[in-house]
Amino acid sequence: MQIPDKIAAAAIEAGAQPASVPAIIGVIAGNKMSSLKGVQGVTPQVITAALGGYLDAWATSFHYVWYAVLPFCVISVIRQHL
């Protein structure tokens, strides 16, 4: 999965301890952002980076949706003009 990988990479790059990464991913995935401060070794920089990784992966996932929908849009436009 891309989302956990991007969260982990961003958090570690920002200085998170590898042992705390599963907890960070779990908190973000569970949408319990207030619990991030309770994870050992998490700093504001780690929180910012981890959330940035999450948003980046989330935004990237929409590219695939648009690519999947694009053929149907093209067919609809062609069909409408026939």
Protein backbone atom coordinates (compact mmCIF):
# COMPACT_ATOMS: atom_id res chain seq x y z
CA MET A 1 0.00 0.00 0.00
CA GLN A 2 1.24 3.41 -0.87
CA ILE A 3 -0.25 5.44 2.00
CA PRO A 4 1.52 3.66 4.90
CA ASP A 5 4.79 3.63 2.95
CA LYS A 6 4.66 7.37 2.30
CA ILE A 7 3.73 8.15 5.91
CA ALA A 8 6.59 5.98 7.17
CA ALA A 9 9.16 7.43 4.79
CA ALA A 10 8.20 11.01 5.61
CA ALA A 11 8.14 10.39 9.37
CA ILE A 12 11.54 8.67 9.41
CA GLU A 13 13.05 11.38 7.23
CA ALA A 14 11.76 13.96 9.73
CA GLY A 15 13.47 12.14 12.59
CA ALA A 16 10.91 9.66 13.91
CA GLN A 17 12.21 6.52 15.54
CA PRO A 18 11.50 3.47 13.34
CA ALA A 19 9.87 1.75 16.33
CA SER A 20 7.26 4.51 16.58
CA VAL A 21 6.30 4.45 12.89
CA PRO A 22 3.58 1.75 13.18
CA ALA A 23 1.90 3.80 15.93
CA ILE A 24 2.10 6.94 13.80
CA ILE A 25 0.54 5.15 10.84
CA GLY A 26 -2.18 3.68 13.06
CA VAL A 27 -3.09 7.05 14.54
CA ILE A 28 -3.24 8.75 11.13
CA ALA A 29 -5.17 5.86 9.57
CA GLY A 30 -7.63 5.93 12.48
CA ASN A 31 -8.05 9.71 12.10
CA LYS A 32 -7.12 10.29 15.75
CA MET A 33 -4.71 13.17 15.21
CA SER A 34 -4.85 14.32 18.83
CA SER A 35 -3.25 10.98 19.80
CA LEU A 36 -0.10 11.74 17.77
CA LYS A 37 1.38 13.75 20.64
CA GLY A 38 1.15 10.65 22.82
CA VAL A 39 3.41 8.58 20.56
CA GLN A 40 6.90 8.39 21.99
CA GLY A 41 9.50 10.45 20.14
CA VAL A 42 7.03 12.33 17.95
CA THR A 43 7.87 15.99 17.40
CA PRO A 44 5.86 18.67 15.58
CA GLN A 45 8.21 18.19 12.60
CA VAL A 46 7.43 14.46 12.50
CA ILE A 47 3.70 15.14 12.70
CA THR A 48 3.89 17.67 9.87
CA ALA A 49 5.98 15.35 7.70
CA ALA A 50 3.79 12.29 8.37
CA LEU A 51 0.62 14.20 7.54
CA GLY A 52 2.31 15.55 4.42
CA GLY A 53 3.17 12.00 3.37
CA TYR A 54 -0.43 10.96 3.98
CA LEU A 55 -1.83 13.84 1.91
CA ASP A 56 0.67 13.20 -0.88
CA ALA A 57 -0.30 9.53 -1.11
CA TRP A 58 -3.99 10.40 -0.90
CA ALA A 59 -3.71 12.93 -3.72
CA THR A 60 -1.68 10.52 -5.84
CA SER A 61 -4.37 7.87 -5.50
CA PHE A 62 -6.81 10.13 -7.32
CA HIS A 63 -4.63 10.04 -10.42
CA TYR A 64 -5.54 6.39 -10.84
CA VAL A 65 -9.22 7.13 -10.45
CA TRP A 66 -9.09 9.79 -13.15
CA TYR A 67 -7.19 7.48 -15.48
CA ALA A 68 -9.82 4.79 -14.94
CA VAL A 69 -12.69 7.19 -15.63
CA LEU A 70 -11.10 8.91 -18.63
CA PRO A 71 -12.09 6.29 -21.26
CA PHE A 72 -15.72 6.48 -20.18
CA CYS A 73 -15.64 10.27 -20.46
CA VAL A 74 -14.20 10.08 -23.96
CA ILE A 75 -16.82 7.53 -25.03
CA SER A 76 -19.59 9.72 -23.56
CA VAL A 77 -18.39 12.80 -25.42
CA ILE A 78 -18.10 10.90 -28.71
CA ARG A 79 -21.51 9.28 -28.21
CA GLN A 80 -23.12 12.63 -27.44
CA HIS A 81 -21.93 14.11 -30.72
CA LEU A 82 -23.14 11.23 -32.87
